[in-house]
Each structure stands twice: as structure tokens, then as C-alpha cells.
Amino acid sequence: MWNPPAVDNMMGRNDEDSLKSLGAAYKSAADNIGFQKLAPADMKDTMRQGGTFVFKGENLLLEHYDEKVGDNCAVDDILRVL
């Protein structure tokens, strides 16, 4: 995640002050809530790459968890539930 192209991309979208503000917010959460309460109960969930979720109101129509980088939900699957 913290490879040079990723950092360059992030810096291109954010200035130094906004990144410092984000870091301060995370530190505040860790200080006030505690690191253990910020982490998922199942530590394997910290390895999750991402996912796609489609809701209609409170009803979950589609749930896809990426197994690895680039394992995105198929567009046809998303369109099928709309």
C-alpha cells in the first residue's frame, strides 16, 4: 500500500495539511477509543482488500468482497441487481 507510486498519487490528491489532519484524527480515535476497539474482532478482516456493496434502502442487494487487488465485482453482477 505504501509503495512510492501510491504515496505520490495520494499526495497529488491531498496537501500536507490535510494529511496531517487525517493522521491527527486517527491518533485521536486510537487515544480515545483504544486501538483494540478500532480493529475488527477477526484480525483476518484487516487483510481485506475492498469490496462492492449495493443497497436499496436498508436491504442489501449485492455483497462482494475482493480477494486480492483487482478482484473487482463484475459490472454485469452490479447491473443485474439494480
PDB file of N, CA and C in Angstrom:
ATOM      1  N   MET A   1       0.820  -1.188   0.000  1.00  0.00           N
ATOM      2  CA  MET A   1       0.000   0.000   0.000  1.00  0.00           C
ATOM      3  C   MET A   1       0.864   1.252   0.000  1.00  0.00           C
ATOM      4  N   TRP A   2       1.949   1.246   0.734  1.00  0.00           N
ATOM      5  CA  TRP A   2       2.751   2.459   0.856  1.00  0.00           C
ATOM      6  C   TRP A   2       3.925   2.451  -0.107  1.00  0.00           C
ATOM      7  N   ASN A   3       3.720   1.941  -1.298  1.00  0.00           N
ATOM      8  CA  ASN A   3       4.773   1.999  -2.297  1.00  0.00           C
ATOM      9  C   ASN A   3       4.840   3.411  -2.873  1.00  0.00           C
ATOM     10  N   PRO A   4       5.967   3.805  -3.442  1.00  0.00           N
ATOM     11  CA  PRO A   4       6.124   5.197  -3.917  1.00  0.00           C
ATOM     12  C   PRO A   4       5.029   5.679  -4.867  1.00  0.00           C
ATOM     13  N   PRO A   5       4.585   4.894  -5.874  1.00  0.00           N
ATOM     14  CA  PRO A   5       3.513   5.413  -6.732  1.00  0.00           C
ATOM     15  C   PRO A   5       2.214   5.684  -5.966  1.00  0.00           C
ATOM     16  N   ALA A   6       1.905   4.844  -4.974  1.00  0.00           N
ATOM     17  CA  ALA A   6       0.690   5.063  -4.184  1.00  0.00           C
ATOM     18  C   ALA A   6       0.807   6.333  -3.359  1.00  0.00           C
ATOM     19  N   VAL A   7       1.972   6.552  -2.759  1.00  0.00           N
ATOM     20  CA  VAL A   7       2.184   7.762  -1.963  1.00  0.00           C
ATOM     21  C   VAL A   7       2.120   8.997  -2.866  1.00  0.00           C
ATOM     22  N   ASP A   8       2.760   8.930  -4.038  1.00  0.00           N
ATOM     23  CA  ASP A   8       2.717  10.061  -4.969  1.00  0.00           C
ATOM     24  C   ASP A   8       1.286  10.380  -5.384  1.00  0.00           C
ATOM     25  N   ASN A   9       0.496   9.334  -5.647  1.00  0.00           N
ATOM     26  CA  ASN A   9      -0.904   9.522  -6.041  1.00  0.00           C
ATOM     27  C   ASN A   9      -1.681  10.178  -4.906  1.00  0.00           C
ATOM     28  N   MET A  10      -1.486   9.705  -3.679  1.00  0.00           N
ATOM     29  CA  MET A  10      -2.180  10.263  -2.528  1.00  0.00           C
ATOM     30  C   MET A  10      -1.779  11.727  -2.320  1.00  0.00           C
ATOM     31  N   MET A  11      -0.496  12.011  -2.455  1.00  0.00           N
ATOM     32  CA  MET A  11      -0.033  13.380  -2.275  1.00  0.00           C
ATOM     33  C   MET A  11      -0.572  14.293  -3.370  1.00  0.00           C
ATOM     34  N   GLY A  12      -0.820  13.740  -4.561  1.00  0.00           N
ATOM     35  CA  GLY A  12      -1.387  14.529  -5.641  1.00  0.00           C
ATOM     36  C   GLY A  12      -2.830  14.932  -5.384  1.00  0.00           C
ATOM     37  N   ARG A  13      -3.522  14.158  -4.557  1.00  0.00           N
ATOM     38  CA  ARG A  13      -4.929  14.443  -4.244  1.00  0.00           C
ATOM     39  C   ARG A  13      -5.087  15.247  -2.968  1.00  0.00           C
ATOM     40  N   ASN A  14      -4.053  15.277  -2.143  1.00  0.00           N
ATOM     41  CA  ASN A  14      -4.148  15.899  -0.825  1.00  0.00           C
ATOM     42  C   ASN A  14      -2.914  16.757  -0.577  1.00  0.00           C
ATOM     43  N   ASP A  15      -3.097  17.810   0.178  1.00  0.00           N
ATOM     44  CA  ASP A  15      -1.922  18.593   0.550  1.00  0.00           C
ATOM     45  C   ASP A  15      -1.436  18.114   1.922  1.00  0.00           C
ATOM     46  N   GLU A  16      -0.274  18.596   2.325  1.00  0.00           N
ATOM     47  CA  GLU A  16       0.339  18.140   3.566  1.00  0.00           C
ATOM     48  C   GLU A  16      -0.548  18.413   4.775  1.00  0.00           C
ATOM     49  N   ASP A  17      -1.204  19.563   4.805  1.00  0.00           N
ATOM     50  CA  ASP A  17      -2.066  19.892   5.945  1.00  0.00           C
ATOM     51  C   ASP A  17      -3.242  18.929   6.070  1.00  0.00           C
ATOM     52  N   SER A  18      -3.855  18.556   4.933  1.00  0.00           N
ATOM     53  CA  SER A  18      -4.999  17.641   5.008  1.00  0.00           C
ATOM     54  C   SER A  18      -4.556  16.260   5.478  1.00  0.00           C
ATOM     55  N   LEU A  19      -3.351  15.818   5.061  1.00  0.00           N
ATOM     56  CA  LEU A  19      -2.857  14.514   5.511  1.00  0.00           C
ATOM     57  C   LEU A  19      -2.498  14.542   6.994  1.00  0.00           C
ATOM     58  N   LYS A  20      -1.941  15.653   7.463  1.00  0.00           N
ATOM     59  CA  LYS A  20      -1.653  15.789   8.895  1.00  0.00           C
ATOM     60  C   LYS A  20      -2.948  15.780   9.701  1.00  0.00           C
ATOM     61  N   SER A  21      -3.982  16.433   9.183  1.00  0.00           N
ATOM     62  CA  SER A  21      -5.278  16.464   9.859  1.00  0.00           C
ATOM     63  C   SER A  21      -5.871  15.059   9.942  1.00  0.00           C
ATOM     64  N   LEU A  22      -5.770  14.298   8.857  1.00  0.00           N
ATOM     65  CA  LEU A  22      -6.261  12.922   8.857  1.00  0.00           C
ATOM     66  C   LEU A  22      -5.499  12.073   9.869  1.00  0.00           C
ATOM     67  N   GLY A  23      -4.170  12.228   9.886  1.00  0.00           N
ATOM     68  CA  GLY A  23      -3.358  11.491  10.858  1.00  0.00           C
ATOM     69  C   GLY A  23      -3.731  11.845  12.288  1.00  0.00           C
ATOM     70  N   ALA A  24      -3.992  13.113  12.546  1.00  0.00           N
ATOM     71  CA  ALA A  24      -4.386  13.547  13.891  1.00  0.00           C
ATOM     72  C   ALA A  24      -5.731  12.945  14.281  1.00  0.00           C
ATOM     73  N   ALA A  25      -6.651  12.838  13.308  1.00  0.00           N
ATOM     74  CA  ALA A  25      -7.958  12.245  13.600  1.00  0.00           C
ATOM     75  C   ALA A  25      -7.819  10.771  13.964  1.00  0.00           C
ATOM     76  N   TYR A  26      -6.980  10.039  13.233  1.00  0.00           N
ATOM     77  CA  TYR A  26      -6.754   8.623  13.559  1.00  0.00           C
ATOM     78  C   TYR A  26      -6.099   8.482  14.932  1.00  0.00           C
ATOM     79  N   LYS A  27      -5.116   9.333  15.220  1.00  0.00           N
ATOM     80  CA  LYS A  27      -4.458   9.272  16.524  1.00  0.00           C
ATOM     81  C   LYS A  27      -5.449   9.561  17.638  1.00  0.00           C
ATOM     82  N   SER A  28      -6.305  10.549  17.430  1.00  0.00           N
ATOM     83  CA  SER A  28      -7.299  10.887  18.442  1.00  0.00           C
ATOM     84  C   SER A  28      -8.243   9.712  18.687  1.00  0.00           C
ATOM     85  N   ALA A  29      -8.676   9.063  17.603  1.00  0.00           N
ATOM     86  CA  ALA A  29      -9.557   7.898  17.762  1.00  0.00           C
ATOM     87  C   ALA A  29      -8.855   6.793  18.537  1.00  0.00           C
ATOM     88  N   ALA A  30      -7.594   6.527  18.197  1.00  0.00           N
ATOM     89  CA  ALA A  30      -6.849   5.478  18.900  1.00  0.00           C
ATOM     90  C   ALA A  30      -6.654   5.843  20.368  1.00  0.00           C
ATOM     91  N   ASP A  31      -6.372   7.120  20.640  1.00  0.00           N
ATOM     92  CA  ASP A  31      -6.172   7.554  22.024  1.00  0.00           C
ATOM     93  C   ASP A  31      -7.466   7.496  22.831  1.00  0.00           C
ATOM     94  N   ASN A  32      -8.590   7.879  22.221  1.00  0.00           N
ATOM     95  CA  ASN A  32      -9.858   7.970  22.942  1.00  0.00           C
ATOM     96  C   ASN A  32     -10.634   6.663  22.997  1.00  0.00           C
ATOM     97  N   ILE A  33     -10.554   5.879  21.945  1.00  0.00           N
ATOM     98  CA  ILE A  33     -11.324   4.634  21.875  1.00  0.00           C
ATOM     99  C   ILE A  33     -10.459   3.433  22.230  1.00  0.00           C
ATOM    100  N   GLY A  34      -9.213   3.512  21.859  1.00  0.00           N
ATOM    101  CA  GLY A  34      -8.294   2.409  22.080  1.00  0.00           C
ATOM    102  C   GLY A  34      -8.092   1.625  20.795  1.00  0.00           C
ATOM    103  N   PHE A  35      -6.863   1.262  20.537  1.00  0.00           N
ATOM    104  CA  PHE A  35      -6.529   0.581  19.287  1.00  0.00           C
ATOM    105  C   PHE A  35      -7.304  -0.723  19.131  1.00  0.00           C
ATOM    106  N   GLN A  36      -7.415  -1.500  20.203  1.00  0.00           N
ATOM    107  CA  GLN A  36      -8.087  -2.801  20.104  1.00  0.00           C
ATOM    108  C   GLN A  36      -9.547  -2.668  19.686  1.00  0.00           C
ATOM    109  N   LYS A  37     -10.210  -1.604  20.092  1.00  0.00           N
ATOM    110  CA  LYS A  37     -11.612  -1.414  19.720  1.00  0.00           C
ATOM    111  C   LYS A  37     -11.748  -0.885  18.299  1.00  0.00           C
ATOM    112  N   LEU A  38     -10.660  -0.312  17.730  1.00  0.00           N
ATOM    113  CA  LEU A  38     -10.699   0.150  16.345  1.00  0.00           C
ATOM    114  C   LEU A  38     -10.498  -1.001  15.369  1.00  0.00           C
ATOM    115  N   ALA A  39      -9.832  -2.051  15.798  1.00  0.00           N
ATOM    116  CA  ALA A  39      -9.538  -3.191  14.933  1.00  0.00           C
ATOM    117  C   ALA A  39     -10.738  -4.131  14.871  1.00  0.00           C
ATOM    118  N   PRO A  40     -10.937  -4.814  13.746  1.00  0.00           N
ATOM    119  CA  PRO A  40     -12.018  -5.797  13.651  1.00  0.00           C
ATOM    120  C   PRO A  40     -11.807  -6.931  14.649  1.00  0.00           C
ATOM    121  N   ALA A  41     -12.884  -7.558  15.071  1.00  0.00           N
ATOM    122  CA  ALA A  41     -12.798  -8.675  16.015  1.00  0.00           C
ATOM    123  C   ALA A  41     -12.002  -9.825  15.412  1.00  0.00           C
ATOM    124  N   ASP A  42     -12.192 -10.092  14.124  1.00  0.00           N
ATOM    125  CA  ASP A  42     -11.450 -11.141  13.431  1.00  0.00           C
ATOM    126  C   ASP A  42     -10.304 -10.472  12.679  1.00  0.00           C
ATOM    127  N   MET A  43      -9.070 -10.662  13.120  1.00  0.00           N
ATOM    128  CA  MET A  43      -7.930  -9.956  12.556  1.00  0.00           C
ATOM    129  C   MET A  43      -7.714 -10.242  11.071  1.00  0.00           C
ATOM    130  N   LYS A  44      -8.244 -11.356  10.557  1.00  0.00           N
ATOM    131  CA  LYS A  44      -8.095 -11.612   9.110  1.00  0.00           C
ATOM    132  C   LYS A  44      -8.852 -10.555   8.304  1.00  0.00           C
ATOM    133  N   ASP A  45      -9.838  -9.910   8.926  1.00  0.00           N
ATOM    134  CA  ASP A  45     -10.576  -8.850   8.234  1.00  0.00           C
ATOM    135  C   ASP A  45      -9.711  -7.618   7.983  1.00  0.00           C
ATOM    136  N   THR A  46      -8.582  -7.495   8.676  1.00  0.00           N
ATOM    137  CA  THR A  46      -7.682  -6.378   8.410  1.00  0.00           C
ATOM    138  C   THR A  46      -6.952  -6.560   7.086  1.00  0.00           C
ATOM    139  N   MET A  47      -6.987  -7.757   6.541  1.00  0.00           N
ATOM    140  CA  MET A  47      -6.322  -8.044   5.269  1.00  0.00           C
ATOM    141  C   MET A  47      -7.256  -7.850   4.081  1.00  0.00           C
ATOM    142  N   ARG A  48      -8.507  -7.545   4.332  1.00  0.00           N
ATOM    143  CA  ARG A  48      -9.482  -7.393   3.253  1.00  0.00           C
ATOM    144  C   ARG A  48      -9.064  -6.253   2.324  1.00  0.00           C
ATOM    145  N   GLN A  49      -9.127  -6.499   1.032  1.00  0.00           N
ATOM    146  CA  GLN A  49      -8.701  -5.529   0.033  1.00  0.00           C
ATOM    147  C   GLN A  49      -9.766  -4.484  -0.255  1.00  0.00           C
ATOM    148  N   GLY A  50     -11.013  -4.856  -0.186  1.00  0.00           N
ATOM    149  CA  GLY A  50     -12.099  -3.942  -0.523  1.00  0.00           C
ATOM    150  C   GLY A  50     -13.311  -4.749  -0.929  1.00  0.00           C
ATOM    151  N   GLY A  51     -14.267  -4.085  -1.503  1.00  0.00           N
ATOM    152  CA  GLY A  51     -15.461  -4.799  -1.915  1.00  0.00           C
ATOM    153  C   GLY A  51     -16.462  -3.872  -2.557  1.00  0.00           C
ATOM    154  N   THR A  52     -17.561  -4.469  -2.963  1.00  0.00           N
ATOM    155  CA  THR A  52     -18.653  -3.736  -3.590  1.00  0.00           C
ATOM    156  C   THR A  52     -19.940  -4.126  -2.876  1.00  0.00           C
ATOM    157  N   PHE A  53     -20.731  -3.130  -2.493  1.00  0.00           N
ATOM    158  CA  PHE A  53     -21.994  -3.364  -1.817  1.00  0.00           C
ATOM    159  C   PHE A  53     -23.052  -2.490  -2.464  1.00  0.00           C
ATOM    160  N   VAL A  54     -24.202  -3.078  -2.749  1.00  0.00           N
ATOM    161  CA  VAL A  54     -25.319  -2.330  -3.324  1.00  0.00           C
ATOM    162  C   VAL A  54     -26.499  -2.485  -2.379  1.00  0.00           C
ATOM    163  N   PHE A  55     -27.052  -1.361  -1.965  1.00  0.00           N
ATOM    164  CA  PHE A  55     -28.208  -1.346  -1.072  1.00  0.00           C
ATOM    165  C   PHE A  55     -29.382  -0.663  -1.758  1.00  0.00           C
ATOM    166  N   LYS A  56     -30.568  -1.088  -1.416  1.00  0.00           N
ATOM    167  CA  LYS A  56     -31.787  -0.356  -1.729  1.00  0.00           C
ATOM    168  C   LYS A  56     -32.434  -0.093  -0.384  1.00  0.00           C
ATOM    169  N   GLY A  57     -32.299   1.159   0.074  1.00  0.00           N
ATOM    170  CA  GLY A  57     -32.719   1.460   1.442  1.00  0.00           C
ATOM    171  C   GLY A  57     -31.814   0.692   2.387  1.00  0.00           C
ATOM    172  N   GLU A  58     -32.397  -0.089   3.273  1.00  0.00           N
ATOM    173  CA  GLU A  58     -31.616  -0.890   4.210  1.00  0.00           C
ATOM    174  C   GLU A  58     -31.388  -2.315   3.711  1.00  0.00           C
ATOM    175  N   ASN A  59     -31.947  -2.662   2.554  1.00  0.00           N
ATOM    176  CA  ASN A  59     -31.822  -4.020   2.020  1.00  0.00           C
ATOM    177  C   ASN A  59     -30.543  -4.175   1.213  1.00  0.00           C
ATOM    178  N   LEU A  60     -29.738  -5.150   1.584  1.00  0.00           N
ATOM    179  CA  LEU A  60     -28.506  -5.447   0.868  1.00  0.00           C
ATOM    180  C   LEU A  60     -28.849  -6.253  -0.382  1.00  0.00           C
ATOM    181  N   LEU A  61     -28.525  -5.708  -1.549  1.00  0.00           N
ATOM    182  CA  LEU A  61     -28.816  -6.370  -2.820  1.00  0.00           C
ATOM    183  C   LEU A  61     -27.617  -7.132  -3.359  1.00  0.00           C
ATOM    184  N   LEU A  62     -26.415  -6.656  -3.060  1.00  0.00           N
ATOM    185  CA  LEU A  62     -25.199  -7.298  -3.563  1.00  0.00           C
ATOM    186  C   LEU A  62     -24.083  -7.105  -2.561  1.00  0.00           C
ATOM    187  N   GLU A  63     -23.330  -8.166  -2.329  1.00  0.00           N
ATOM    188  CA  GLU A  63     -22.203  -8.133  -1.409  1.00  0.00           C
ATOM    189  C   GLU A  63     -21.049  -8.891  -2.066  1.00  0.00           C
ATOM    190  N   HIS A  64     -19.978  -8.179  -2.364  1.00  0.00           N
ATOM    191  CA  HIS A  64     -18.802  -8.791  -2.994  1.00  0.00           C
ATOM    192  C   HIS A  64     -17.562  -8.335  -2.255  1.00  0.00           C
ATOM    193  N   TYR A  65     -16.767  -9.288  -1.780  1.00  0.00           N
ATOM    194  CA  TYR A  65     -15.506  -8.982  -1.116  1.00  0.00           C
ATOM    195  C   TYR A  65     -14.360  -9.316  -2.067  1.00  0.00           C
ATOM    196  N   ASP A  66     -13.491  -8.355  -2.317  1.00  0.00           N
ATOM    197  CA  ASP A  66     -12.333  -8.593  -3.172  1.00  0.00           C
ATOM    198  C   ASP A  66     -11.365  -9.525  -2.454  1.00  0.00           C
ATOM    199  N   GLU A  67     -10.924 -10.555  -3.145  1.00  0.00           N
ATOM    200  CA  GLU A  67      -9.954 -11.490  -2.574  1.00  0.00           C
ATOM    201  C   GLU A  67      -8.532 -10.976  -2.709  1.00  0.00           C
ATOM    202  N   LYS A  68      -8.295 -10.145  -3.714  1.00  0.00           N
ATOM    203  CA  LYS A  68      -6.970  -9.582  -3.943  1.00  0.00           C
ATOM    204  C   LYS A  68      -7.145  -8.286  -4.729  1.00  0.00           C
ATOM    205  N   VAL A  69      -6.070  -7.542  -4.891  1.00  0.00           N
ATOM    206  CA  VAL A  69      -6.123  -6.314  -5.667  1.00  0.00           C
ATOM    207  C   VAL A  69      -6.582  -6.641  -7.086  1.00  0.00           C
ATOM    208  N   GLY A  70      -7.548  -5.892  -7.581  1.00  0.00           N
ATOM    209  CA  GLY A  70      -8.051  -6.099  -8.933  1.00  0.00           C
ATOM    210  C   GLY A  70      -9.180  -7.098  -9.033  1.00  0.00           C
ATOM    211  N   ASP A  71      -9.540  -7.731  -7.931  1.00  0.00           N
ATOM    212  CA  ASP A  71     -10.638  -8.700  -7.925  1.00  0.00           C
ATOM    213  C   ASP A  71     -11.953  -7.959  -7.700  1.00  0.00           C
ATOM    214  N   ASN A  72     -12.265  -7.089  -8.637  1.00  0.00           N
ATOM    215  CA  ASN A  72     -13.455  -6.260  -8.505  1.00  0.00           C
ATOM    216  C   ASN A  72     -14.707  -7.021  -8.888  1.00  0.00           C
ATOM    217  N   CYS A  73     -15.809  -6.580  -8.367  1.00  0.00           N
ATOM    218  CA  CYS A  73     -17.102  -7.157  -8.708  1.00  0.00           C
ATOM    219  C   CYS A  73     -17.372  -6.916 -10.199  1.00  0.00           C
ATOM    220  N   ALA A  74     -17.925  -7.912 -10.853  1.00  0.00           N
ATOM    221  CA  ALA A  74     -18.245  -7.768 -12.277  1.00  0.00           C
ATOM    222  C   ALA A  74     -19.362  -6.737 -12.447  1.00  0.00           C
ATOM    223  N   VAL A  75     -19.194  -5.872 -13.432  1.00  0.00           N
ATOM    224  CA  VAL A  75     -20.190  -4.838 -13.697  1.00  0.00           C
ATOM    225  C   VAL A  75     -21.547  -5.479 -13.991  1.00  0.00           C
ATOM    226  N   ASP A  76     -21.556  -6.602 -14.714  1.00  0.00           N
ATOM    227  CA  ASP A  76     -22.817  -7.288 -15.012  1.00  0.00           C
ATOM    228  C   ASP A  76     -23.541  -7.728 -13.740  1.00  0.00           C
ATOM    229  N   ASP A  77     -22.787  -8.151 -12.722  1.00  0.00           N
ATOM    230  CA  ASP A  77     -23.404  -8.540 -11.456  1.00  0.00           C
ATOM    231  C   ASP A  77     -24.050  -7.335 -10.761  1.00  0.00           C
ATOM    232  N   ILE A  78     -23.379  -6.195 -10.843  1.00  0.00           N
ATOM    233  CA  ILE A  78     -23.940  -4.974 -10.251  1.00  0.00           C
ATOM    234  C   ILE A  78     -25.203  -4.558 -10.992  1.00  0.00           C
ATOM    235  N   LEU A  79     -25.142  -4.544 -12.309  1.00  0.00           N
ATOM    236  CA  LEU A  79     -26.304  -4.131 -13.117  1.00  0.00           C
ATOM    237  C   LEU A  79     -27.473  -5.082 -12.924  1.00  0.00           C
ATOM    238  N   ARG A  80     -27.193  -6.352 -12.716  1.00  0.00           N
ATOM    239  CA  ARG A  80     -28.242  -7.360 -12.541  1.00  0.00           C
ATOM    240  C   ARG A  80     -29.125  -7.081 -11.333  1.00  0.00           C
ATOM    241  N   VAL A  81     -28.562  -6.494 -10.277  1.00  0.00           N
ATOM    242  CA  VAL A  81     -29.332  -6.276  -9.046  1.00  0.00           C
ATOM    243  C   VAL A  81     -30.029  -4.905  -9.021  1.00  0.00           C
ATOM    244  N   LEU A  82     -29.705  -4.057  -9.974  1.00  0.00           N
ATOM    245  CA  LEU A  82     -30.291  -2.713  -9.976  1.00  0.00           C
ATOM    246  C   LEU A  82     -31.702  -2.710 -10.512  1.00  0.00           C
TER     247      LEU A  82
END
